[in-house]
Structures are given as structure tokens and as C-alpha cells.
Amino acid sequence: MLGLLTLASSAAQSGSFRGAESGMPVDGTERRNVGNDQAPANTGSDTKARQKGTGAYPEPVAGYLARLFVQQAQPTAFRTDYPGGFRQWRIDAGLALRLRLGMDRIATSVGDHRPRVQLEESQDCGEYTLQRGAMETEPGIRIPFWLLQPKRAQPWPLGVFPHGHDRRGQDTTAGVYADADHAKKSLAEDRDVAVLAVNGRKDPLFSPAEIDRAVAQVRTIYASAGVPLHFQHRWGEEGHRFYRNLMWPFVLGAMQQPNSK
């Protein structure tokens, strides 16, 4: 079992795009190989949107997605002919992401504050221990989490798992259940952190056409970073959820490989 840290709120990735260079798993969802390496240059019209797959969504969502993915509206979106190549894109996109996240404003507001972590007493859960904790990321801002640690001596990398839309998502992800019904539903739907569930069963949340479009775009980023084999796209017939038989072999295999860069 991995050493796992579950956070109580979603966390944005940093602008360094390290996943493309570290052998990290990037997708938990197997269907087929994607051959198109180029992102669509969508005009924003409803007709074009439907041709690209956004027609799978009702209006006004389809129109919104069409406008969102217009190439001209994405100056820092990666493309194979990006001026300066992959390295320059990485710098530009990182700066843009930092600006959007307000990192400089946050740094100014926190002053010399340093994050502090408080951990409660550890609980024995058999093969691992469980601890409730809280991290004060900014003055007065405390983010609760569960820390799961294997008892085995072998070192494991840290996994950070923001929880999903469950009303008790933080607890569910960590395998902490309010009652028998909560446990039964969570285990039946692979929502516990041991298998990193992301949603329920047979959930058609995302259009296959839009998934294919996004996968093709991400694939070009990994290829341009020189690590094309570090990206695999896998998803099953039940849609947006974690598939242990598809994903765990990739996760465990990636953990055995040294970083290439």
C-alpha cells in the first residue's frame, strides 16, 4: 500500500509541469489509442462544437466549451510549433499559471509565515497507520487531512489525493466511514483511498470526443518533453472512475523506474 496523504480541498499543480519528466501516472481512466496529435482550432460556432464532440453536452454548456477551446483564446496552450519550443512553453505557461493562481499575492499576504502541521495520535489499521492532521498553509487557514503510512520499512513516494464530490469526501477517500451503509457504498464503488476512486459507477460525465481531444493534446506535451512513454491513457466502460485492473499496474510499474530527467 502506498503512503497516502488525503487533502480536504483540491490542490492546483505548480507551473513546473514536473509530471512530464518524472514518470508520474497522469491518467486513471483504457479505451483506444489516440492518433491525432493536434488540438482542434475551434471556431466557436455550435456546428464546429458538435463536430469536435462538444455537442454531447446540452446548451449552454456546448457553446461555452466551444468558446473556451478556441485556439486564439489559449495563448499559453501547448502546440508543437510553440515559439522557443517545449522549454520556452514550460516557462511561459508556468508564469501564466502562477499569475492565475495569485501566488505572488499570496506570498505577499503571508509574509514570513511558514506552513505548520499538527498530527493527532496514530491509529493502527493493520498494514498501515492512520492519523488525522491539519496544515496551516496561510495564517489562520487550516486544511485538514488524513495521513496513511505503510508499516513496511521500504520507502514509498508520497501520494497526495484531493477528494471528490462525496459529502464526506475527505473521510471516504481515507477509508474512514460514518456507518455500515457508508462503508458498503464506498467500497462497492472503489471510493476508498487504497484504490484511489475518483467517482462512481457508469458515470458519463465526460464526452468521449472531448476526452480524445484532450488526450491527444497531453500526448504531444509528453512527447515534446522527451518522455512519451510516461503518458498512458486508460479508461473502462463505466466512465469516470478508477479501474484497479487498468491503473495499478501502471502506477506500480512507474514507481520502479528511475526518473529519466
C-alpha atoms as a PDB file:
ATOM      1  CA  MET A   1       0.000   0.000   0.000  1.00  0.00           C
ATOM      2  CA  LEU A   2       1.250   3.451  -0.834  1.00  0.00           C
ATOM      3  CA  GLY A   3       1.952   6.130   1.710  1.00  0.00           C
ATOM      4  CA  LEU A   4      -1.016   8.439   1.180  1.00  0.00           C
ATOM      5  CA  LEU A   5      -1.921  11.949   2.199  1.00  0.00           C
ATOM      6  CA  THR A   6      -5.517  12.986   1.561  1.00  0.00           C
ATOM      7  CA  LEU A   7      -6.284  16.701   1.476  1.00  0.00           C
ATOM      8  CA  ALA A   8      -9.650  18.256   2.218  1.00  0.00           C
ATOM      9  CA  SER A   9      -9.682  20.525  -0.833  1.00  0.00           C
ATOM     10  CA  SER A  10      -8.480  20.351  -4.411  1.00  0.00           C
ATOM     11  CA  ALA A  11      -4.898  21.464  -4.989  1.00  0.00           C
ATOM     12  CA  ALA A  12      -3.642  23.108  -8.169  1.00  0.00           C
ATOM     13  CA  GLN A  13      -0.434  21.772  -9.645  1.00  0.00           C
ATOM     14  CA  SER A  14       2.562  24.071  -9.805  1.00  0.00           C
ATOM     15  CA  GLY A  15       3.640  25.636 -13.075  1.00  0.00           C
ATOM     16  CA  SER A  16       6.736  23.471 -13.396  1.00  0.00           C
ATOM     17  CA  PHE A  17       4.908  20.607 -15.177  1.00  0.00           C
ATOM     18  CA  ARG A  18       7.156  18.075 -13.459  1.00  0.00           C
ATOM     19  CA  GLY A  19       4.759  15.255 -14.253  1.00  0.00           C
ATOM     20  CA  ALA A  20       6.017  15.213 -17.819  1.00  0.00           C
ATOM     21  CA  GLU A  21       9.530  14.493 -16.610  1.00  0.00           C
ATOM     22  CA  SER A  22       9.147  12.328 -13.552  1.00  0.00           C
ATOM     23  CA  GLY A  23       7.401   9.140 -14.559  1.00  0.00           C
ATOM     24  CA  MET A  24       4.260  10.105 -12.686  1.00  0.00           C
ATOM     25  CA  PRO A  25       0.971   8.444 -13.639  1.00  0.00           C
ATOM     26  CA  VAL A  26      -1.178  11.064 -15.303  1.00  0.00           C
ATOM     27  CA  ASP A  27      -4.466   9.390 -16.170  1.00  0.00           C
ATOM     28  CA  GLY A  28      -6.673   6.897 -14.380  1.00  0.00           C
ATOM     29  CA  THR A  29      -9.149   6.414 -16.990  1.00  0.00           C
ATOM     30  CA  GLU A  30      -8.429   2.307 -21.258  1.00  0.00           C
ATOM     31  CA  ARG A  31     -10.292   2.838 -24.397  1.00  0.00           C
ATOM     32  CA  ARG A  32      -8.135   3.122 -27.523  1.00  0.00           C
ATOM     33  CA  ASN A  33      -5.020   4.821 -28.832  1.00  0.00           C
ATOM     34  CA  VAL A  34      -5.393   8.384 -29.961  1.00  0.00           C
ATOM     35  CA  GLY A  35      -3.811   9.174 -33.293  1.00  0.00           C
ATOM     36  CA  ASN A  36      -4.494  12.891 -33.598  1.00  0.00           C
ATOM     37  CA  ASP A  37      -1.642  14.930 -32.114  1.00  0.00           C
ATOM     38  CA  GLN A  38      -3.059  18.367 -32.826  1.00  0.00           C
ATOM     39  CA  ALA A  39      -5.507  20.354 -30.755  1.00  0.00           C
ATOM     40  CA  PRO A  40      -8.570  21.446 -32.758  1.00  0.00           C
ATOM     41  CA  ALA A  41      -8.726  25.046 -33.902  1.00  0.00           C
ATOM     42  CA  ASN A  42     -12.367  25.522 -32.926  1.00  0.00           C
ATOM     43  CA  THR A  43     -14.194  28.492 -34.392  1.00  0.00           C
ATOM     44  CA  GLY A  44     -16.687  28.699 -31.562  1.00  0.00           C
ATOM     45  CA  SER A  45     -19.788  28.009 -33.666  1.00  0.00           C
ATOM     46  CA  ASP A  46     -22.321  25.426 -32.494  1.00  0.00           C
ATOM     47  CA  THR A  47     -21.738  23.431 -35.688  1.00  0.00           C
ATOM     48  CA  LYS A  48     -17.997  23.264 -35.138  1.00  0.00           C
ATOM     49  CA  ALA A  49     -18.548  22.455 -31.489  1.00  0.00           C
ATOM     50  CA  ARG A  50     -20.667  19.460 -32.351  1.00  0.00           C
ATOM     51  CA  GLN A  51     -18.142  18.299 -34.917  1.00  0.00           C
ATOM     52  CA  LYS A  52     -15.487  18.343 -32.198  1.00  0.00           C
ATOM     53  CA  GLY A  53     -17.640  16.490 -29.705  1.00  0.00           C
ATOM     54  CA  THR A  54     -18.950  19.299 -27.508  1.00  0.00           C
ATOM     55  CA  GLY A  55     -22.411  18.616 -28.953  1.00  0.00           C
ATOM     56  CA  ALA A  56     -22.585  15.747 -26.477  1.00  0.00           C
ATOM     57  CA  TYR A  57     -23.340  18.433 -23.890  1.00  0.00           C
ATOM     58  CA  PRO A  58     -26.549  20.472 -23.672  1.00  0.00           C
ATOM     59  CA  GLU A  59     -26.609  24.194 -24.290  1.00  0.00           C
ATOM     60  CA  PRO A  60     -25.344  26.488 -22.957  1.00  0.00           C
ATOM     61  CA  VAL A  61     -22.523  24.112 -21.972  1.00  0.00           C
ATOM     62  CA  ALA A  62     -21.683  23.167 -25.588  1.00  0.00           C
ATOM     63  CA  GLY A  63     -21.352  26.800 -26.630  1.00  0.00           C
ATOM     64  CA  TYR A  64     -19.278  27.610 -23.573  1.00  0.00           C
ATOM     65  CA  LEU A  65     -16.852  24.774 -24.303  1.00  0.00           C
ATOM     66  CA  ALA A  66     -16.579  25.832 -27.931  1.00  0.00           C
ATOM     67  CA  ARG A  67     -15.594  29.365 -26.879  1.00  0.00           C
ATOM     68  CA  LEU A  68     -13.285  28.041 -24.182  1.00  0.00           C
ATOM     69  CA  PHE A  69     -11.273  25.911 -26.593  1.00  0.00           C
ATOM     70  CA  VAL A  70     -10.852  28.476 -29.352  1.00  0.00           C
ATOM     71  CA  GLN A  71      -7.125  28.369 -30.018  1.00  0.00           C
ATOM     72  CA  GLN A  72      -6.794  32.154 -30.063  1.00  0.00           C
ATOM     73  CA  ALA A  73      -8.136  32.273 -26.505  1.00  0.00           C
ATOM     74  CA  GLN A  74      -5.378  29.981 -25.259  1.00  0.00           C
ATOM     75  CA  PRO A  75      -2.085  31.818 -25.799  1.00  0.00           C
ATOM     76  CA  THR A  76      -0.195  29.512 -23.431  1.00  0.00           C
ATOM     77  CA  ALA A  77      -1.740  26.239 -24.637  1.00  0.00           C
ATOM     78  CA  PHE A  78       0.978  23.892 -25.822  1.00  0.00           C
ATOM     79  CA  ARG A  79       1.425  23.314 -29.543  1.00  0.00           C
ATOM     80  CA  THR A  80       4.223  21.637 -31.433  1.00  0.00           C
ATOM     81  CA  ASP A  81       5.206  24.901 -33.154  1.00  0.00           C
ATOM     82  CA  TYR A  82       5.237  26.971 -29.938  1.00  0.00           C
ATOM     83  CA  PRO A  83       7.886  29.739 -30.275  1.00  0.00           C
ATOM     84  CA  GLY A  84      11.019  28.599 -28.469  1.00  0.00           C
ATOM     85  CA  GLY A  85       9.819  25.012 -28.241  1.00  0.00           C
ATOM     86  CA  PHE A  86       8.871  22.997 -25.191  1.00  0.00           C
ATOM     87  CA  ARG A  87      11.280  24.669 -22.775  1.00  0.00           C
ATOM     88  CA  GLN A  88      10.003  28.165 -23.543  1.00  0.00           C
ATOM     89  CA  TRP A  89       6.392  26.992 -23.323  1.00  0.00           C
ATOM     90  CA  ARG A  90       7.110  25.486 -19.932  1.00  0.00           C
ATOM     91  CA  ILE A  91       8.438  28.835 -18.680  1.00  0.00           C
ATOM     92  CA  ASP A  92       5.604  30.878 -20.182  1.00  0.00           C
ATOM     93  CA  ALA A  93       2.855  28.523 -19.040  1.00  0.00           C
ATOM     94  CA  GLY A  94       4.344  28.333 -15.556  1.00  0.00           C
ATOM     95  CA  LEU A  95       4.364  32.112 -15.220  1.00  0.00           C
ATOM     96  CA  ALA A  96       0.797  32.348 -16.513  1.00  0.00           C
ATOM     97  CA  LEU A  97      -0.376  29.687 -14.072  1.00  0.00           C
ATOM     98  CA  ARG A  98       1.375  31.421 -11.190  1.00  0.00           C
ATOM     99  CA  LEU A  99      -0.405  34.657 -12.121  1.00  0.00           C
ATOM    100  CA  ARG A 100      -3.811  32.971 -12.391  1.00  0.00           C
ATOM    101  CA  LEU A 101      -3.374  31.272  -9.027  1.00  0.00           C
ATOM    102  CA  GLY A 102      -2.366  34.550  -7.400  1.00  0.00           C
ATOM    103  CA  MET A 103       0.816  33.065  -5.989  1.00  0.00           C
ATOM    104  CA  ASP A 104       2.625  36.411  -5.770  1.00  0.00           C
ATOM    105  CA  ARG A 105      -0.313  37.996  -3.924  1.00  0.00           C
ATOM    106  CA  ILE A 106      -0.439  35.032  -1.566  1.00  0.00           C
ATOM    107  CA  ALA A 107       3.303  35.293  -0.924  1.00  0.00           C
ATOM    108  CA  THR A 108       2.893  38.987  -0.069  1.00  0.00           C
ATOM    109  CA  SER A 109      -0.064  38.399   2.243  1.00  0.00           C
ATOM    110  CA  VAL A 110       1.524  35.578   4.250  1.00  0.00           C
ATOM    111  CA  GLY A 111       4.746  37.461   4.921  1.00  0.00           C
ATOM    112  CA  ASP A 112       7.239  35.241   6.730  1.00  0.00           C
ATOM    113  CA  HIS A 113       4.627  32.640   7.707  1.00  0.00           C
ATOM    114  CA  ARG A 114       5.771  29.045   7.362  1.00  0.00           C
ATOM    115  CA  PRO A 115       3.261  26.211   6.992  1.00  0.00           C
ATOM    116  CA  ARG A 116       2.726  24.245  10.193  1.00  0.00           C
ATOM    117  CA  VAL A 117       1.396  20.708  10.538  1.00  0.00           C
ATOM    118  CA  GLN A 118      -0.355  19.210  13.552  1.00  0.00           C
ATOM    119  CA  LEU A 119      -0.921  15.453  13.802  1.00  0.00           C
ATOM    120  CA  GLU A 120      -3.208  13.613  16.198  1.00  0.00           C
ATOM    121  CA  GLU A 121      -2.487  10.209  17.709  1.00  0.00           C
ATOM    122  CA  SER A 122      -1.825   7.433  15.222  1.00  0.00           C
ATOM    123  CA  GLN A 123      -4.370   4.615  14.785  1.00  0.00           C
ATOM    124  CA  ASP A 124      -3.357   1.040  13.929  1.00  0.00           C
ATOM    125  CA  CYS A 125      -5.240  -0.147  10.828  1.00  0.00           C
ATOM    126  CA  GLY A 126      -3.439  -3.420  10.232  1.00  0.00           C
ATOM    127  CA  GLU A 127      -0.995  -2.986   7.358  1.00  0.00           C
ATOM    128  CA  TYR A 128      -0.875   0.792   7.810  1.00  0.00           C
ATOM    129  CA  THR A 129      -1.382   3.543  10.364  1.00  0.00           C
ATOM    130  CA  LEU A 130      -3.907   6.364  10.134  1.00  0.00           C
ATOM    131  CA  GLN A 131      -3.569   9.878  11.540  1.00  0.00           C
ATOM    132  CA  ARG A 132      -5.804  12.902  11.379  1.00  0.00           C
ATOM    133  CA  GLY A 133      -3.898  16.118  10.771  1.00  0.00           C
ATOM    134  CA  ALA A 134      -4.225  19.769   9.834  1.00  0.00           C
ATOM    135  CA  MET A 135      -1.888  22.027   7.880  1.00  0.00           C
ATOM    136  CA  GLU A 136      -1.879  25.783   8.418  1.00  0.00           C
ATOM    137  CA  THR A 137      -0.974  26.830   4.885  1.00  0.00           C
ATOM    138  CA  GLU A 138      -1.605  30.552   5.498  1.00  0.00           C
ATOM    139  CA  PRO A 139      -2.165  32.481   8.737  1.00  0.00           C
ATOM    140  CA  GLY A 140      -5.452  31.225  10.149  1.00  0.00           C
ATOM    141  CA  ILE A 141      -6.120  28.867   7.212  1.00  0.00           C
ATOM    142  CA  ARG A 142      -6.093  25.229   8.330  1.00  0.00           C
ATOM    143  CA  ILE A 143      -6.582  22.387   5.842  1.00  0.00           C
ATOM    144  CA  PRO A 144      -7.499  19.046   7.436  1.00  0.00           C
ATOM    145  CA  PHE A 145      -6.192  15.775   6.026  1.00  0.00           C
ATOM    146  CA  TRP A 146      -5.694  12.098   6.752  1.00  0.00           C
ATOM    147  CA  LEU A 147      -2.192  10.612   6.699  1.00  0.00           C
ATOM    148  CA  LEU A 148      -1.862   6.907   5.871  1.00  0.00           C
ATOM    149  CA  GLN A 149       1.546   5.267   6.241  1.00  0.00           C
ATOM    150  CA  PRO A 150       2.516   1.664   5.438  1.00  0.00           C
ATOM    151  CA  LYS A 151       4.183  -0.259   8.252  1.00  0.00           C
ATOM    152  CA  ARG A 152       6.705  -1.793   5.896  1.00  0.00           C
ATOM    153  CA  ALA A 153      10.198  -0.334   6.078  1.00  0.00           C
ATOM    154  CA  GLN A 154      10.559   0.096   2.318  1.00  0.00           C
ATOM    155  CA  PRO A 155      10.430   3.798   1.420  1.00  0.00           C
ATOM    156  CA  TRP A 156       7.499   4.842  -0.746  1.00  0.00           C
ATOM    157  CA  PRO A 157       6.813   8.111  -2.568  1.00  0.00           C
ATOM    158  CA  LEU A 158       4.170  10.430  -1.164  1.00  0.00           C
ATOM    159  CA  GLY A 159       0.769  10.380  -2.846  1.00  0.00           C
ATOM    160  CA  VAL A 160      -1.488  13.436  -2.468  1.00  0.00           C
ATOM    161  CA  PHE A 161      -5.153  12.725  -3.180  1.00  0.00           C
ATOM    162  CA  PRO A 162      -7.652  15.603  -3.158  1.00  0.00           C
ATOM    163  CA  HIS A 163     -11.068  14.083  -2.558  1.00  0.00           C
ATOM    164  CA  GLY A 164     -14.067  14.097  -4.887  1.00  0.00           C
ATOM    165  CA  HIS A 165     -17.663  15.265  -4.564  1.00  0.00           C
ATOM    166  CA  ASP A 166     -18.760  12.983  -1.741  1.00  0.00           C
ATOM    167  CA  ARG A 167     -20.308  14.938   1.164  1.00  0.00           C
ATOM    168  CA  ARG A 168     -17.814  13.138   3.417  1.00  0.00           C
ATOM    169  CA  GLY A 169     -15.161  13.010   0.722  1.00  0.00           C
ATOM    170  CA  GLN A 170     -12.162  13.504   2.973  1.00  0.00           C
ATOM    171  CA  ASP A 171     -13.197  10.593   5.203  1.00  0.00           C
ATOM    172  CA  THR A 172     -14.376   8.383   2.349  1.00  0.00           C
ATOM    173  CA  THR A 173     -11.110   8.741   0.463  1.00  0.00           C
ATOM    174  CA  ALA A 174      -9.192   7.715   3.580  1.00  0.00           C
ATOM    175  CA  GLY A 175     -11.425   4.730   4.306  1.00  0.00           C
ATOM    176  CA  VAL A 176     -12.991   6.356   7.376  1.00  0.00           C
ATOM    177  CA  TYR A 177     -16.708   5.576   7.416  1.00  0.00           C
ATOM    178  CA  ALA A 178     -19.599   7.017   9.408  1.00  0.00           C
ATOM    179  CA  ASP A 179     -21.558   3.749   9.453  1.00  0.00           C
ATOM    180  CA  ALA A 180     -22.006   0.386   7.726  1.00  0.00           C
ATOM    181  CA  ASP A 181     -24.011   1.845   4.831  1.00  0.00           C
ATOM    182  CA  HIS A 182     -21.338   4.458   4.168  1.00  0.00           C
ATOM    183  CA  ALA A 183     -18.655   1.758   4.141  1.00  0.00           C
ATOM    184  CA  LYS A 184     -20.665  -0.580   1.899  1.00  0.00           C
ATOM    185  CA  LYS A 185     -21.335   2.102  -0.717  1.00  0.00           C
ATOM    186  CA  SER A 186     -17.784   3.434  -0.661  1.00  0.00           C
ATOM    187  CA  LEU A 187     -16.168   0.022  -1.028  1.00  0.00           C
ATOM    188  CA  ALA A 188     -18.611  -1.088  -3.727  1.00  0.00           C
ATOM    189  CA  GLU A 189     -17.740   1.997  -5.778  1.00  0.00           C
ATOM    190  CA  ASP A 190     -13.978   1.894  -5.137  1.00  0.00           C
ATOM    191  CA  ARG A 191     -14.101   5.242  -3.347  1.00  0.00           C
ATOM    192  CA  ASP A 192     -11.586   4.406  -0.629  1.00  0.00           C
ATOM    193  CA  VAL A 193      -8.068   5.761  -0.955  1.00  0.00           C
ATOM    194  CA  ALA A 194      -6.478   2.315  -1.302  1.00  0.00           C
ATOM    195  CA  VAL A 195      -7.709   2.184  -4.879  1.00  0.00           C
ATOM    196  CA  LEU A 196      -7.968   5.927  -5.421  1.00  0.00           C
ATOM    197  CA  ALA A 197     -11.526   6.139  -6.658  1.00  0.00           C
ATOM    198  CA  VAL A 198     -12.445   9.399  -8.368  1.00  0.00           C
ATOM    199  CA  ASN A 199     -16.167   8.961  -8.880  1.00  0.00           C
ATOM    200  CA  GLY A 200     -18.987   6.455  -9.001  1.00  0.00           C
ATOM    201  CA  ARG A 201     -20.029   3.774 -11.462  1.00  0.00           C
ATOM    202  CA  LYS A 202     -21.203   4.157 -15.059  1.00  0.00           C
ATOM    203  CA  ASP A 203     -20.774   7.929 -14.939  1.00  0.00           C
ATOM    204  CA  PRO A 204     -20.936   9.568 -18.414  1.00  0.00           C
ATOM    205  CA  LEU A 205     -19.519  12.807 -17.035  1.00  0.00           C
ATOM    206  CA  PHE A 206     -17.152  13.475 -19.933  1.00  0.00           C
ATOM    207  CA  SER A 207     -17.770  13.237 -23.669  1.00  0.00           C
ATOM    208  CA  PRO A 208     -15.522  10.577 -25.301  1.00  0.00           C
ATOM    209  CA  ALA A 209     -14.770  13.011 -28.133  1.00  0.00           C
ATOM    210  CA  GLU A 210     -13.581  15.657 -25.684  1.00  0.00           C
ATOM    211  CA  ILE A 211     -11.526  13.087 -23.789  1.00  0.00           C
ATOM    212  CA  ASP A 212      -9.847  12.066 -27.054  1.00  0.00           C
ATOM    213  CA  ARG A 213      -9.138  15.707 -27.886  1.00  0.00           C
ATOM    214  CA  ALA A 214      -7.573  16.377 -24.502  1.00  0.00           C
ATOM    215  CA  VAL A 215      -5.572  13.138 -24.526  1.00  0.00           C
ATOM    216  CA  ALA A 216      -4.093  13.957 -27.925  1.00  0.00           C
ATOM    217  CA  GLN A 217      -3.008  17.356 -26.632  1.00  0.00           C
ATOM    218  CA  VAL A 218      -1.425  15.949 -23.475  1.00  0.00           C
ATOM    219  CA  ARG A 219       0.333  13.263 -25.504  1.00  0.00           C
ATOM    220  CA  THR A 220       2.130  15.934 -27.558  1.00  0.00           C
ATOM    221  CA  ILE A 221       3.374  17.589 -24.352  1.00  0.00           C
ATOM    222  CA  TYR A 222       4.947  14.386 -23.063  1.00  0.00           C
ATOM    223  CA  ALA A 223       6.453  13.655 -26.476  1.00  0.00           C
ATOM    224  CA  SER A 224       7.936  17.153 -26.677  1.00  0.00           C
ATOM    225  CA  ALA A 225       9.350  16.725 -23.165  1.00  0.00           C
ATOM    226  CA  GLY A 226      11.202  13.658 -24.426  1.00  0.00           C
ATOM    227  CA  VAL A 227       9.288  11.156 -22.291  1.00  0.00           C
ATOM    228  CA  PRO A 228       6.432   9.869 -24.480  1.00  0.00           C
ATOM    229  CA  LEU A 229       6.230   6.568 -22.606  1.00  0.00           C
ATOM    230  CA  HIS A 230       5.452   8.377 -19.355  1.00  0.00           C
ATOM    231  CA  PHE A 231       1.905   9.013 -20.539  1.00  0.00           C
ATOM    232  CA  GLN A 232      -0.698   6.289 -20.868  1.00  0.00           C
ATOM    233  CA  HIS A 233      -4.398   6.815 -21.371  1.00  0.00           C
ATOM    234  CA  ARG A 234      -6.599   4.107 -19.882  1.00  0.00           C
ATOM    235  CA  TRP A 235     -10.291   4.063 -19.153  1.00  0.00           C
ATOM    236  CA  GLY A 236     -13.027   1.474 -18.950  1.00  0.00           C
ATOM    237  CA  GLU A 237     -16.651   1.019 -19.925  1.00  0.00           C
ATOM    238  CA  GLU A 238     -18.120   2.572 -16.792  1.00  0.00           C
ATOM    239  CA  GLY A 239     -16.790   6.057 -17.425  1.00  0.00           C
ATOM    240  CA  HIS A 240     -15.302   8.442 -14.887  1.00  0.00           C
ATOM    241  CA  ARG A 241     -13.988   6.247 -12.094  1.00  0.00           C
ATOM    242  CA  PHE A 242     -10.834   4.416 -11.022  1.00  0.00           C
ATOM    243  CA  TYR A 243     -10.143   0.985 -12.570  1.00  0.00           C
ATOM    244  CA  ARG A 244      -7.807  -1.021 -10.351  1.00  0.00           C
ATOM    245  CA  ASN A 245      -7.014  -3.608 -13.045  1.00  0.00           C
ATOM    246  CA  LEU A 246      -6.020  -0.894 -15.539  1.00  0.00           C
ATOM    247  CA  MET A 247      -4.306   1.629 -13.328  1.00  0.00           C
ATOM    248  CA  TRP A 248      -2.436  -0.145 -10.552  1.00  0.00           C
ATOM    249  CA  PRO A 249      -0.033  -1.996 -12.906  1.00  0.00           C
ATOM    250  CA  PHE A 250       0.940   1.367 -14.408  1.00  0.00           C
ATOM    251  CA  VAL A 251       1.304   3.082 -11.019  1.00  0.00           C
ATOM    252  CA  LEU A 252       3.421   0.305  -9.519  1.00  0.00           C
ATOM    253  CA  GLY A 253       5.499  -0.019 -12.696  1.00  0.00           C
ATOM    254  CA  ALA A 254       6.217   3.722 -12.749  1.00  0.00           C
ATOM    255  CA  MET A 255       7.358   3.597  -9.129  1.00  0.00           C
ATOM    256  CA  GLN A 256      10.065   1.091 -10.041  1.00  0.00           C
ATOM    257  CA  GLN A 257      11.512   3.266 -12.816  1.00  0.00           C
ATOM    258  CA  PRO A 258      14.186   5.891 -12.066  1.00  0.00           C
ATOM    259  CA  ASN A 259      13.429   9.410 -13.224  1.00  0.00           C
ATOM    260  CA  SER A 260      14.760   9.902 -16.719  1.00  0.00           C
ATOM    261  CA  LYS A 261      15.352  13.623 -16.220  1.00  0.00           C
END
